[in-house]
Amino acid sequence: MSFLNVYHEADGEQPLLTTRDPERIGLELAAEGIHFQRYDLAPLLPSAAADQVLDRHAGLIDEVSRLSGCQRVELRGMSPVFPDGELRRELLFSESRGADDVWHLFLHGQAIFYLHLGGRVYVIGCERGDLISVPAKMPHWFDMGPQPDFVTLSLSRGVVSPPLETASDIASRFPRFERLVDGAAA
């Protein structure tokens, strides 16, 4: 499901660019100061505890820490049975800015990042093995789908403070997870 759609910020219907090629995704995003890379990762064991997941990926965590300069590591994720999943989905689907760079390595499942910069909206569909950076202060939002089921390793430089929401309604003008994932699979 890894994909990149680039839209003009005023038109969430017709992408200016669409690609599923990981190298092209990486090049397009690198031109905007965003890191994207694919890793070949084995599936997570459903019964694995958090410390086992961290131990299993220690070498990769070290590699991403060196690459990003980030030292704080958190496991983040959600399952379809998570309480208040729909509310959390809606809260994350509004444009906000973080105070710190955050790097996300998908260990399981899929989700979509929307990055708003330079008059464009970069829509990046991520799946297991995808590493993406979200630079500090970059307007962005996130869609984990109607039945979220994902796990990421998220790395940052310090304690991640709550995001600062913008007054923008831009997220409402762009396609949601369901439409994009169905379109990427077609």
N, C-alpha and C. Protein backbone atom coordinates (compact mmCIF):
# COMPACT_ATOMS: atom_id res chain seq x y z
N MET A 1 0.80 -1.19 0.00
CA MET A 1 0.00 0.00 0.00
C MET A 1 0.85 1.26 0.00
N SER A 2 2.14 1.20 0.11
CA SER A 2 2.94 2.43 0.10
C SER A 2 2.61 3.22 -1.16
N PHE A 3 2.27 4.49 -0.98
CA PHE A 3 1.99 5.34 -2.13
C PHE A 3 2.20 6.79 -1.75
N LEU A 4 2.34 7.61 -2.77
CA LEU A 4 2.41 9.06 -2.61
C LEU A 4 1.48 9.68 -3.63
N ASN A 5 0.58 10.52 -3.15
CA ASN A 5 -0.24 11.38 -4.00
C ASN A 5 0.10 12.81 -3.60
N VAL A 6 0.36 13.65 -4.57
CA VAL A 6 0.63 15.06 -4.31
C VAL A 6 -0.51 15.86 -4.94
N TYR A 7 -1.11 16.72 -4.14
CA TYR A 7 -2.23 17.55 -4.58
C TYR A 7 -1.88 19.02 -4.42
N HIS A 8 -2.50 19.86 -5.22
CA HIS A 8 -2.47 21.29 -4.94
C HIS A 8 -3.35 21.49 -3.71
N GLU A 9 -2.99 22.38 -2.82
CA GLU A 9 -3.73 22.54 -1.57
C GLU A 9 -5.19 22.95 -1.77
N ALA A 10 -5.52 23.50 -2.93
CA ALA A 10 -6.89 23.92 -3.19
C ALA A 10 -7.72 22.83 -3.88
N ASP A 11 -7.10 21.67 -4.23
CA ASP A 11 -7.82 20.65 -4.97
C ASP A 11 -7.51 19.26 -4.42
N GLY A 12 -8.37 18.75 -3.56
CA GLY A 12 -8.18 17.43 -2.99
C GLY A 12 -8.76 16.32 -3.84
N GLU A 13 -9.16 16.62 -5.06
CA GLU A 13 -9.76 15.61 -5.93
C GLU A 13 -8.79 15.07 -6.97
N GLN A 14 -8.00 15.94 -7.56
CA GLN A 14 -7.14 15.54 -8.68
C GLN A 14 -5.67 15.64 -8.30
N PRO A 15 -5.00 14.50 -8.06
CA PRO A 15 -3.58 14.57 -7.72
C PRO A 15 -2.73 15.06 -8.89
N LEU A 16 -1.69 15.81 -8.54
CA LEU A 16 -0.70 16.26 -9.53
C LEU A 16 0.30 15.15 -9.82
N LEU A 17 0.50 14.27 -8.84
CA LEU A 17 1.44 13.15 -8.95
C LEU A 17 0.89 11.99 -8.15
N THR A 18 1.01 10.80 -8.69
CA THR A 18 0.65 9.57 -7.98
C THR A 18 1.73 8.54 -8.29
N THR A 19 2.29 7.92 -7.23
CA THR A 19 3.29 6.87 -7.45
C THR A 19 3.23 5.86 -6.31
N ARG A 20 3.59 4.64 -6.65
CA ARG A 20 3.74 3.57 -5.66
C ARG A 20 5.19 3.09 -5.58
N ASP A 21 6.06 3.73 -6.34
CA ASP A 21 7.47 3.36 -6.39
C ASP A 21 8.18 3.94 -5.16
N PRO A 22 8.68 3.08 -4.24
CA PRO A 22 9.31 3.58 -3.02
C PRO A 22 10.50 4.52 -3.28
N GLU A 23 11.27 4.26 -4.33
CA GLU A 23 12.40 5.16 -4.63
C GLU A 23 11.90 6.54 -5.05
N ARG A 24 10.87 6.57 -5.87
CA ARG A 24 10.30 7.85 -6.30
C ARG A 24 9.68 8.58 -5.11
N ILE A 25 8.98 7.84 -4.25
CA ILE A 25 8.41 8.45 -3.05
C ILE A 25 9.52 9.11 -2.24
N GLY A 26 10.61 8.36 -2.02
CA GLY A 26 11.73 8.89 -1.25
C GLY A 26 12.32 10.14 -1.86
N LEU A 27 12.49 10.15 -3.18
CA LEU A 27 13.07 11.32 -3.87
C LEU A 27 12.15 12.53 -3.80
N GLU A 28 10.87 12.32 -4.04
CA GLU A 28 9.91 13.44 -3.99
C GLU A 28 9.87 14.06 -2.60
N LEU A 29 9.84 13.21 -1.58
CA LEU A 29 9.76 13.72 -0.21
C LEU A 29 11.08 14.33 0.24
N ALA A 30 12.20 13.75 -0.18
CA ALA A 30 13.51 14.30 0.20
C ALA A 30 13.66 15.73 -0.31
N ALA A 31 13.10 16.03 -1.47
CA ALA A 31 13.16 17.38 -2.01
C ALA A 31 12.46 18.39 -1.10
N GLU A 32 11.60 17.90 -0.21
CA GLU A 32 10.87 18.76 0.74
C GLU A 32 11.39 18.61 2.17
N GLY A 33 12.51 17.91 2.35
CA GLY A 33 13.09 17.77 3.68
C GLY A 33 12.46 16.68 4.52
N ILE A 34 11.78 15.73 3.85
CA ILE A 34 11.10 14.63 4.55
C ILE A 34 11.81 13.33 4.19
N HIS A 35 12.10 12.52 5.18
CA HIS A 35 12.78 11.25 4.93
C HIS A 35 11.75 10.14 4.76
N PHE A 36 11.92 9.33 3.71
CA PHE A 36 11.09 8.15 3.50
C PHE A 36 12.01 7.03 3.04
N GLN A 37 11.83 5.88 3.66
CA GLN A 37 12.67 4.73 3.33
C GLN A 37 11.89 3.46 3.62
N ARG A 38 12.18 2.41 2.84
CA ARG A 38 11.53 1.11 3.05
C ARG A 38 12.51 0.13 3.65
N TYR A 39 12.04 -0.65 4.60
CA TYR A 39 12.80 -1.75 5.20
C TYR A 39 12.00 -3.03 4.99
N ASP A 40 12.70 -4.13 4.80
CA ASP A 40 12.06 -5.43 4.70
C ASP A 40 11.94 -5.99 6.12
N LEU A 41 10.74 -5.92 6.69
CA LEU A 41 10.52 -6.36 8.07
C LEU A 41 9.63 -7.59 8.11
N ALA A 42 9.98 -8.50 8.99
CA ALA A 42 9.13 -9.67 9.23
C ALA A 42 7.87 -9.22 9.97
N PRO A 43 6.77 -9.94 9.79
CA PRO A 43 5.54 -9.59 10.53
C PRO A 43 5.75 -9.66 12.04
N LEU A 44 5.02 -8.81 12.75
CA LEU A 44 5.03 -8.86 14.21
C LEU A 44 4.27 -10.09 14.69
N LEU A 45 4.74 -10.67 15.76
CA LEU A 45 4.01 -11.77 16.37
C LEU A 45 2.87 -11.16 17.18
N PRO A 46 1.64 -11.65 17.00
CA PRO A 46 0.49 -11.05 17.70
C PRO A 46 0.63 -11.06 19.22
N SER A 47 1.35 -12.02 19.74
CA SER A 47 1.45 -12.14 21.20
C SER A 47 2.68 -11.43 21.78
N ALA A 48 3.46 -10.76 20.95
CA ALA A 48 4.70 -10.13 21.42
C ALA A 48 4.41 -8.97 22.37
N ALA A 49 5.12 -8.96 23.49
CA ALA A 49 5.03 -7.87 24.45
C ALA A 49 5.88 -6.70 23.95
N ALA A 50 5.61 -5.51 24.47
CA ALA A 50 6.32 -4.31 24.04
C ALA A 50 7.84 -4.45 24.15
N ASP A 51 8.32 -4.99 25.28
CA ASP A 51 9.77 -5.11 25.44
C ASP A 51 10.36 -6.10 24.44
N GLN A 52 9.62 -7.13 24.06
CA GLN A 52 10.09 -8.07 23.05
C GLN A 52 10.18 -7.40 21.68
N VAL A 53 9.20 -6.56 21.36
CA VAL A 53 9.20 -5.84 20.09
C VAL A 53 10.41 -4.90 20.04
N LEU A 54 10.65 -4.18 21.12
CA LEU A 54 11.79 -3.26 21.17
C LEU A 54 13.11 -4.02 21.07
N ASP A 55 13.23 -5.14 21.79
CA ASP A 55 14.45 -5.95 21.72
C ASP A 55 14.68 -6.49 20.31
N ARG A 56 13.62 -6.98 19.70
CA ARG A 56 13.73 -7.56 18.35
C ARG A 56 14.19 -6.53 17.32
N HIS A 57 13.84 -5.26 17.52
CA HIS A 57 14.17 -4.20 16.57
C HIS A 57 15.28 -3.28 17.07
N ALA A 58 16.06 -3.71 18.04
CA ALA A 58 17.11 -2.86 18.65
C ALA A 58 18.10 -2.34 17.61
N GLY A 59 18.56 -3.19 16.71
CA GLY A 59 19.51 -2.75 15.69
C GLY A 59 18.92 -1.70 14.77
N LEU A 60 17.69 -1.89 14.40
CA LEU A 60 17.00 -0.92 13.54
C LEU A 60 16.75 0.39 14.28
N ILE A 61 16.40 0.29 15.55
CA ILE A 61 16.21 1.50 16.37
C ILE A 61 17.52 2.29 16.43
N ASP A 62 18.64 1.60 16.62
CA ASP A 62 19.94 2.27 16.64
C ASP A 62 20.23 2.95 15.31
N GLU A 63 19.93 2.26 14.21
CA GLU A 63 20.17 2.83 12.88
C GLU A 63 19.34 4.10 12.66
N VAL A 64 18.06 4.04 12.99
CA VAL A 64 17.19 5.20 12.80
C VAL A 64 17.59 6.33 13.77
N SER A 65 18.02 5.98 14.97
CA SER A 65 18.49 7.00 15.92
C SER A 65 19.69 7.75 15.37
N ARG A 66 20.63 7.01 14.80
CA ARG A 66 21.82 7.66 14.20
C ARG A 66 21.41 8.54 13.02
N LEU A 67 20.51 8.05 12.20
CA LEU A 67 20.06 8.79 11.02
C LEU A 67 19.30 10.06 11.39
N SER A 68 18.46 9.97 12.40
CA SER A 68 17.55 11.07 12.75
C SER A 68 18.05 11.99 13.85
N GLY A 69 18.97 11.48 14.69
CA GLY A 69 19.38 12.23 15.87
C GLY A 69 18.40 12.09 17.02
N CYS A 70 17.39 11.26 16.84
CA CYS A 70 16.36 11.06 17.86
C CYS A 70 16.76 9.95 18.82
N GLN A 71 16.50 10.14 20.10
CA GLN A 71 16.85 9.15 21.12
C GLN A 71 15.64 8.57 21.85
N ARG A 72 14.55 9.30 21.89
CA ARG A 72 13.35 8.82 22.59
C ARG A 72 12.59 7.88 21.65
N VAL A 73 12.27 6.69 22.14
CA VAL A 73 11.58 5.68 21.34
C VAL A 73 10.29 5.28 22.04
N GLU A 74 9.20 5.26 21.29
CA GLU A 74 7.91 4.82 21.81
C GLU A 74 7.28 3.85 20.83
N LEU A 75 6.59 2.87 21.36
CA LEU A 75 5.73 2.04 20.53
C LEU A 75 4.35 2.70 20.53
N ARG A 76 3.81 2.93 19.36
CA ARG A 76 2.48 3.51 19.25
C ARG A 76 1.65 2.62 18.35
N GLY A 77 0.37 2.63 18.57
CA GLY A 77 -0.49 1.86 17.69
C GLY A 77 -1.91 1.84 18.18
N MET A 78 -2.72 1.15 17.42
CA MET A 78 -4.12 1.02 17.76
C MET A 78 -4.66 -0.23 17.08
N SER A 79 -5.64 -0.84 17.72
CA SER A 79 -6.29 -2.01 17.15
C SER A 79 -7.77 -1.67 16.94
N PRO A 80 -8.47 -2.49 16.14
CA PRO A 80 -9.89 -2.20 15.90
C PRO A 80 -10.76 -2.21 17.16
N VAL A 81 -10.30 -2.83 18.24
CA VAL A 81 -11.10 -2.87 19.46
C VAL A 81 -10.70 -1.79 20.47
N PHE A 82 -9.85 -0.85 20.06
CA PHE A 82 -9.40 0.21 20.95
C PHE A 82 -10.59 1.08 21.36
N PRO A 83 -10.72 1.38 22.66
CA PRO A 83 -11.83 2.24 23.10
C PRO A 83 -11.71 3.63 22.47
N ASP A 84 -12.82 4.19 22.07
CA ASP A 84 -12.87 5.54 21.49
C ASP A 84 -12.05 5.67 20.21
N GLY A 85 -11.88 4.59 19.47
CA GLY A 85 -11.09 4.61 18.24
C GLY A 85 -11.59 5.63 17.23
N GLU A 86 -12.91 5.71 17.04
CA GLU A 86 -13.46 6.66 16.07
C GLU A 86 -13.20 8.10 16.50
N LEU A 87 -13.34 8.39 17.79
CA LEU A 87 -13.05 9.73 18.30
C LEU A 87 -11.57 10.07 18.09
N ARG A 88 -10.70 9.15 18.42
CA ARG A 88 -9.26 9.39 18.24
C ARG A 88 -8.93 9.60 16.76
N ARG A 89 -9.58 8.82 15.90
CA ARG A 89 -9.36 9.00 14.46
C ARG A 89 -9.72 10.42 14.04
N GLU A 90 -10.85 10.91 14.48
CA GLU A 90 -11.29 12.25 14.09
C GLU A 90 -10.37 13.33 14.66
N LEU A 91 -9.89 13.14 15.87
CA LEU A 91 -8.98 14.12 16.47
C LEU A 91 -7.67 14.22 15.69
N LEU A 92 -7.19 13.10 15.21
CA LEU A 92 -5.94 13.10 14.44
C LEU A 92 -6.13 13.58 13.01
N PHE A 93 -7.38 13.64 12.54
CA PHE A 93 -7.66 14.07 11.17
C PHE A 93 -7.99 15.56 11.13
N SER A 94 -7.15 16.34 11.77
CA SER A 94 -7.22 17.79 11.65
C SER A 94 -5.79 18.31 11.64
N GLU A 95 -5.57 19.34 10.85
CA GLU A 95 -4.22 19.84 10.67
C GLU A 95 -3.65 20.35 12.00
N SER A 96 -2.41 19.94 12.27
CA SER A 96 -1.71 20.37 13.47
C SER A 96 -0.22 20.47 13.16
N ARG A 97 0.53 20.97 14.14
CA ARG A 97 1.99 21.09 14.02
C ARG A 97 2.60 20.55 15.30
N GLY A 98 3.68 19.81 15.17
CA GLY A 98 4.41 19.32 16.33
C GLY A 98 5.63 20.19 16.59
N ALA A 99 6.07 20.23 17.84
CA ALA A 99 7.23 21.05 18.21
C ALA A 99 8.55 20.36 17.89
N ASP A 100 8.53 19.06 17.61
CA ASP A 100 9.75 18.29 17.41
C ASP A 100 9.61 17.42 16.17
N ASP A 101 10.75 17.08 15.57
CA ASP A 101 10.75 16.07 14.51
C ASP A 101 10.31 14.75 15.12
N VAL A 102 9.50 14.00 14.38
CA VAL A 102 9.10 12.66 14.80
C VAL A 102 9.27 11.73 13.60
N TRP A 103 9.94 10.62 13.84
CA TRP A 103 10.15 9.60 12.81
C TRP A 103 9.32 8.39 13.17
N HIS A 104 8.61 7.85 12.20
CA HIS A 104 7.71 6.71 12.43
C HIS A 104 8.14 5.55 11.54
N LEU A 105 8.38 4.40 12.16
CA LEU A 105 8.68 3.18 11.43
C LEU A 105 7.51 2.23 11.63
N PHE A 106 6.83 1.89 10.56
CA PHE A 106 5.66 1.01 10.65
C PHE A 106 6.12 -0.44 10.79
N LEU A 107 5.69 -1.05 11.90
CA LEU A 107 6.00 -2.45 12.17
C LEU A 107 4.84 -3.36 11.78
N HIS A 108 3.64 -2.78 11.75
CA HIS A 108 2.43 -3.56 11.47
C HIS A 108 1.35 -2.63 10.95
N GLY A 109 0.56 -3.10 10.00
CA GLY A 109 -0.61 -2.38 9.56
C GLY A 109 -0.31 -1.26 8.59
N GLN A 110 -1.25 -0.34 8.51
CA GLN A 110 -1.12 0.77 7.58
C GLN A 110 -1.86 2.00 8.09
N ALA A 111 -1.43 3.15 7.60
CA ALA A 111 -2.06 4.44 7.93
C ALA A 111 -1.57 5.45 6.90
N ILE A 112 -2.13 6.64 6.95
CA ILE A 112 -1.81 7.67 5.96
C ILE A 112 -1.42 8.96 6.67
N PHE A 113 -0.30 9.55 6.23
CA PHE A 113 0.12 10.88 6.67
C PHE A 113 -0.20 11.88 5.56
N TYR A 114 -0.65 13.05 5.96
CA TYR A 114 -0.91 14.17 5.05
C TYR A 114 0.02 15.30 5.51
N LEU A 115 0.92 15.74 4.65
CA LEU A 115 1.86 16.80 4.99
C LEU A 115 1.56 18.00 4.09
N HIS A 116 1.37 19.16 4.70
CA HIS A 116 0.95 20.37 3.99
C HIS A 116 2.12 21.36 3.94
N LEU A 117 2.66 21.56 2.74
CA LEU A 117 3.77 22.49 2.62
C LEU A 117 3.89 23.01 1.20
N GLY A 118 4.34 24.24 1.09
CA GLY A 118 4.60 24.84 -0.20
C GLY A 118 3.41 24.83 -1.16
N GLY A 119 2.21 25.03 -0.64
CA GLY A 119 1.03 25.05 -1.51
C GLY A 119 0.59 23.68 -1.98
N ARG A 120 1.19 22.65 -1.43
CA ARG A 120 0.86 21.27 -1.81
C ARG A 120 0.49 20.45 -0.57
N VAL A 121 -0.24 19.36 -0.81
CA VAL A 121 -0.52 18.38 0.23
C VAL A 121 0.06 17.05 -0.26
N TYR A 122 1.01 16.53 0.51
CA TYR A 122 1.67 15.25 0.21
C TYR A 122 0.97 14.18 1.04
N VAL A 123 0.32 13.25 0.36
CA VAL A 123 -0.44 12.19 1.01
C VAL A 123 0.37 10.91 0.87
N ILE A 124 0.84 10.38 2.00
CA ILE A 124 1.74 9.24 1.99
C ILE A 124 1.08 8.06 2.70
N GLY A 125 0.77 7.03 1.93
CA GLY A 125 0.24 5.80 2.49
C GLY A 125 1.40 4.94 2.96
N CYS A 126 1.39 4.59 4.24
CA CYS A 126 2.49 3.83 4.84
C CYS A 126 2.01 2.46 5.28
N GLU A 127 2.91 1.50 5.21
CA GLU A 127 2.63 0.13 5.64
C GLU A 127 3.88 -0.42 6.33
N ARG A 128 3.79 -1.70 6.77
CA ARG A 128 4.91 -2.33 7.45
C ARG A 128 6.20 -2.15 6.63
N GLY A 129 7.23 -1.65 7.32
CA GLY A 129 8.52 -1.45 6.70
C GLY A 129 8.78 -0.02 6.26
N ASP A 130 7.78 0.85 6.28
CA ASP A 130 7.97 2.23 5.86
C ASP A 130 8.45 3.09 7.03
N LEU A 131 9.47 3.89 6.76
CA LEU A 131 9.99 4.87 7.72
C LEU A 131 9.73 6.24 7.13
N ILE A 132 9.08 7.11 7.90
CA ILE A 132 8.79 8.46 7.44
C ILE A 132 9.07 9.45 8.56
N SER A 133 9.64 10.60 8.19
CA SER A 133 9.85 11.67 9.17
C SER A 133 8.78 12.74 8.98
N VAL A 134 8.36 13.31 10.09
CA VAL A 134 7.48 14.47 10.07
C VAL A 134 8.25 15.58 10.77
N PRO A 135 8.80 16.53 9.98
CA PRO A 135 9.61 17.59 10.57
C PRO A 135 8.84 18.48 11.54
N ALA A 136 9.55 19.03 12.50
CA ALA A 136 8.96 19.95 13.48
C ALA A 136 8.26 21.09 12.75
N LYS A 137 7.15 21.48 13.30
CA LYS A 137 6.36 22.63 12.84
C LYS A 137 5.72 22.45 11.46
N MET A 138 5.86 21.27 10.85
CA MET A 138 5.22 21.05 9.55
C MET A 138 3.74 20.75 9.76
N PRO A 139 2.86 21.51 9.12
CA PRO A 139 1.42 21.21 9.23
C PRO A 139 1.14 19.82 8.65
N HIS A 140 0.41 19.04 9.40
CA HIS A 140 0.12 17.67 8.96
C HIS A 140 -1.12 17.14 9.67
N TRP A 141 -1.63 16.02 9.15
CA TRP A 141 -2.67 15.26 9.83
C TRP A 141 -2.49 13.80 9.47
N PHE A 142 -3.30 12.95 10.08
CA PHE A 142 -3.07 11.50 10.06
C PHE A 142 -4.42 10.79 9.97
N ASP A 143 -4.48 9.74 9.16
CA ASP A 143 -5.71 8.93 9.10
C ASP A 143 -5.33 7.47 9.22
N MET A 144 -5.88 6.82 10.24
CA MET A 144 -5.58 5.41 10.51
C MET A 144 -6.70 4.49 10.05
N GLY A 145 -7.71 5.04 9.39
CA GLY A 145 -8.78 4.22 8.84
C GLY A 145 -9.90 3.96 9.83
N PRO A 146 -11.02 3.42 9.34
CA PRO A 146 -12.19 3.19 10.18
C PRO A 146 -12.01 2.05 11.17
N GLN A 147 -11.09 1.14 10.89
CA GLN A 147 -10.79 0.03 11.80
C GLN A 147 -9.28 -0.01 11.99
N PRO A 148 -8.73 0.94 12.76
CA PRO A 148 -7.29 1.06 12.88
C PRO A 148 -6.63 -0.22 13.40
N ASP A 149 -5.53 -0.55 12.77
CA ASP A 149 -4.78 -1.74 13.15
C ASP A 149 -3.33 -1.52 12.71
N PHE A 150 -2.56 -0.82 13.55
CA PHE A 150 -1.19 -0.52 13.19
C PHE A 150 -0.33 -0.43 14.44
N VAL A 151 0.98 -0.62 14.25
CA VAL A 151 1.98 -0.43 15.29
C VAL A 151 3.17 0.28 14.65
N THR A 152 3.65 1.33 15.30
CA THR A 152 4.85 2.02 14.83
C THR A 152 5.85 2.16 15.96
N LEU A 153 7.11 2.22 15.57
CA LEU A 153 8.16 2.72 16.44
C LEU A 153 8.23 4.21 16.13
N SER A 154 8.05 5.06 17.10
CA SER A 154 8.11 6.51 16.88
C SER A 154 9.28 7.06 17.66
N LEU A 155 10.15 7.77 16.96
CA LEU A 155 11.36 8.32 17.56
C LEU A 155 11.31 9.83 17.51
N SER A 156 11.75 10.45 18.62
CA SER A 156 11.80 11.91 18.70
C SER A 156 13.02 12.29 19.53
N ARG A 157 13.29 13.58 19.61
CA ARG A 157 14.46 14.07 20.36
C ARG A 157 14.17 14.22 21.85
N GLY A 158 12.94 14.41 22.19
CA GLY A 158 12.59 14.62 23.59
C GLY A 158 11.16 14.21 23.84
N VAL A 159 10.62 14.73 24.90
CA VAL A 159 9.23 14.45 25.23
C VAL A 159 8.36 15.11 24.17
N VAL A 160 7.49 14.33 23.56
CA VAL A 160 6.62 14.87 22.53
C VAL A 160 5.49 15.64 23.19
N SER A 161 5.45 16.94 22.89
CA SER A 161 4.39 17.76 23.46
C SER A 161 3.13 17.64 22.60
N PRO A 162 1.99 17.97 23.16
CA PRO A 162 0.76 17.89 22.36
C PRO A 162 0.87 18.77 21.12
N PRO A 163 0.32 18.30 20.01
CA PRO A 163 0.40 19.10 18.79
C PRO A 163 -0.41 20.37 18.91
N LEU A 164 0.01 21.38 18.17
CA LEU A 164 -0.71 22.64 18.11
C LEU A 164 -1.62 22.60 16.90
N GLU A 165 -2.93 22.64 17.13
CA GLU A 165 -3.86 22.62 16.01
C GLU A 165 -3.85 23.95 15.30
N THR A 166 -4.09 23.91 14.00
CA THR A 166 -4.26 25.13 13.24
C THR A 166 -5.75 25.41 13.12
N ALA A 167 -6.08 26.56 12.63
CA ALA A 167 -7.50 26.90 12.45
C ALA A 167 -8.00 26.43 11.09
N SER A 168 -7.19 25.74 10.35
CA SER A 168 -7.51 25.31 9.00
C SER A 168 -8.50 24.15 8.97
N ASP A 169 -9.35 24.15 7.96
CA ASP A 169 -10.25 23.02 7.72
C ASP A 169 -9.77 22.20 6.53
N ILE A 170 -8.53 22.35 6.15
CA ILE A 170 -8.01 21.72 4.94
C ILE A 170 -8.18 20.21 4.92
N ALA A 171 -8.06 19.55 6.05
CA ALA A 171 -8.16 18.09 6.08
C ALA A 171 -9.50 17.62 5.53
N SER A 172 -10.55 18.37 5.78
CA SER A 172 -11.88 17.96 5.32
C SER A 172 -12.02 17.98 3.81
N ARG A 173 -11.08 18.59 3.11
CA ARG A 173 -11.15 18.69 1.65
C ARG A 173 -10.34 17.62 0.93
N PHE A 174 -9.76 16.68 1.69
CA PHE A 174 -8.92 15.65 1.07
C PHE A 174 -9.47 14.27 1.36
N PRO A 175 -9.20 13.32 0.43
CA PRO A 175 -9.77 11.98 0.58
C PRO A 175 -9.30 11.27 1.85
N ARG A 176 -10.22 10.50 2.42
CA ARG A 176 -9.93 9.74 3.63
C ARG A 176 -9.28 8.40 3.29
N PHE A 177 -8.87 7.71 4.32
CA PHE A 177 -8.21 6.41 4.23
C PHE A 177 -8.94 5.44 3.31
N GLU A 178 -10.25 5.29 3.52
CA GLU A 178 -11.04 4.30 2.78
C GLU A 178 -10.91 4.50 1.27
N ARG A 179 -11.05 5.73 0.83
CA ARG A 179 -10.98 6.02 -0.61
C ARG A 179 -9.57 5.82 -1.15
N LEU A 180 -8.58 6.25 -0.39
CA LEU A 180 -7.20 6.16 -0.86
C LEU A 180 -6.69 4.73 -0.87
N VAL A 181 -7.00 3.97 0.16
CA VAL A 181 -6.52 2.57 0.23
C VAL A 181 -7.21 1.74 -0.84
N ASP A 182 -8.51 1.94 -1.04
CA ASP A 182 -9.21 1.23 -2.12
C ASP A 182 -8.62 1.62 -3.47
N GLY A 183 -8.30 2.90 -3.66
CA GLY A 183 -7.72 3.37 -4.91
C GLY A 183 -6.31 2.85 -5.13
N ALA A 184 -5.53 2.72 -4.06
CA ALA A 184 -4.16 2.21 -4.19
C ALA A 184 -4.15 0.73 -4.50
N ALA A 185 -5.17 0.01 -4.04
CA ALA A 185 -5.23 -1.43 -4.28
C ALA A 185 -5.72 -1.74 -5.69
N ALA A 186 -6.41 -0.79 -6.32
CA ALA A 186 -6.99 -1.01 -7.66
C ALA A 186 -5.92 -1.08 -8.73
